[in-house]
Protein backbone atom coordinates (compact mmCIF):
# COMPACT_ATOMS: atom_id res chain seq x y z
CA UNK A 1 0.00 0.00 0.00
CA UNK A 2 2.91 2.35 0.71
CA UNK A 3 4.26 1.93 -2.82
CA UNK A 4 0.77 2.27 -4.29
CA UNK A 5 0.16 5.49 -2.35
CA UNK A 6 3.45 6.99 -3.56
CA UNK A 7 2.70 6.03 -7.16
CA UNK A 8 -0.75 7.59 -6.89
CA UNK A 9 0.73 10.84 -5.58
CA UNK A 10 3.27 10.93 -8.41
CA UNK A 11 0.53 10.26 -10.96
CA UNK A 12 -1.55 13.14 -9.55
CA UNK A 13 1.42 15.51 -9.74
CA UNK A 14 2.15 14.48 -13.33
CA UNK A 15 -1.50 14.87 -14.32
CA UNK A 16 -1.68 18.36 -12.77
CA UNK A 17 1.52 19.51 -14.52
CA UNK A 18 0.28 18.19 -17.87
CA UNK A 19 -3.09 19.86 -17.35
CA UNK A 20 -1.52 23.18 -16.31
CA UNK A 21 0.74 23.28 -19.38
CA UNK A 22 -1.88 21.83 -21.74
CA UNK A 23 0.61 19.17 -22.89
CA UNK A 24 -0.16 17.04 -25.90
CA UNK A 25 -0.11 13.31 -25.26
CA UNK A 26 0.19 10.29 -27.49
CA UNK A 27 -1.27 6.92 -26.59
CA UNK A 28 -0.01 3.63 -27.91
CA UNK A 29 -2.11 0.50 -27.68
CA UNK A 30 -0.54 -2.86 -28.33
CA UNK A 31 -2.21 -6.23 -28.72
CA UNK A 32 0.92 -7.84 -27.29
CA UNK A 33 1.30 -5.78 -24.13
CA UNK A 34 2.95 -7.75 -21.35
CA UNK A 35 2.88 -5.89 -18.06
CA UNK A 36 4.39 -8.53 -15.79
CA UNK A 37 5.12 -7.89 -12.14
CA UNK A 38 5.31 -4.27 -11.04
CA UNK A 39 6.38 -3.99 -7.39
CA UNK A 40 10.14 -4.09 -7.96
CA UNK A 41 9.87 -1.73 -10.96
CA UNK A 42 7.73 0.70 -8.95
CA UNK A 43 10.22 0.73 -6.07
CA UNK A 44 13.08 1.32 -8.48
CA UNK A 45 11.26 4.18 -10.23
CA UNK A 46 10.37 5.80 -6.91
CA UNK A 47 13.94 5.43 -5.63
CA UNK A 48 12.85 3.64 -2.46
CA UNK A 49 14.55 0.24 -2.87
CA UNK A 50 16.98 0.70 0.00
CA UNK A 51 14.42 2.20 2.38
CA UNK A 52 11.84 -0.52 1.69
CA UNK A 53 14.46 -3.26 1.95
CA UNK A 54 15.66 -1.89 5.32
CA UNK A 55 12.10 -1.49 6.64
CA UNK A 56 11.25 -5.06 5.65
CA UNK A 57 14.47 -6.32 7.28
CA UNK A 58 13.66 -4.40 10.47
CA UNK A 59 10.26 -6.13 10.53
CA UNK A 60 11.91 -9.53 10.07
CA UNK A 61 10.53 -9.89 6.55
CA UNK A 62 12.28 -10.75 3.29
CA UNK A 63 11.72 -8.30 0.45
CA UNK A 64 12.78 -10.84 -2.18
CA UNK A 65 10.16 -13.28 -0.88
CA UNK A 66 7.48 -10.59 -1.18
CA UNK A 67 8.58 -9.72 -4.71
CA UNK A 68 8.62 -13.39 -5.71
CA UNK A 69 5.04 -13.81 -4.43
CA UNK A 70 3.61 -10.95 -6.49
CA UNK A 71 1.16 -12.43 -9.00
CA UNK A 72 1.73 -11.76 -12.67
CA UNK A 73 -0.87 -9.44 -14.18
CA UNK A 74 -1.65 -12.09 -16.79
CA UNK A 75 -1.82 -9.61 -19.65
CA UNK A 76 0.14 -11.42 -22.29
CA UNK A 77 0.41 -12.02 -25.96
CA UNK A 78 -2.81 -10.91 -27.67
CA UNK A 79 -2.59 -13.73 -30.19
CA UNK A 80 -3.50 -16.31 -27.53
CA UNK A 81 -7.00 -14.88 -27.33
CA UNK A 82 -7.65 -15.36 -31.04
């Protein structure tokens, strides 16, 4: 939830900046979009890897175990649905 909250705040900030500056945006849709697992990528993008790892360690938890247990989003190759 901590990572999700931080991502939400960043998304709000980005949205507000784009809205303020009336930025143009391009959207790309792909039939073969594979999202995969996101927790480790989110922590990396937020720059909180070390802090989260230390907090988990202090709680007696293993960050790698948590990351390994994240379910895959299951959004894979669009051809399989044909």
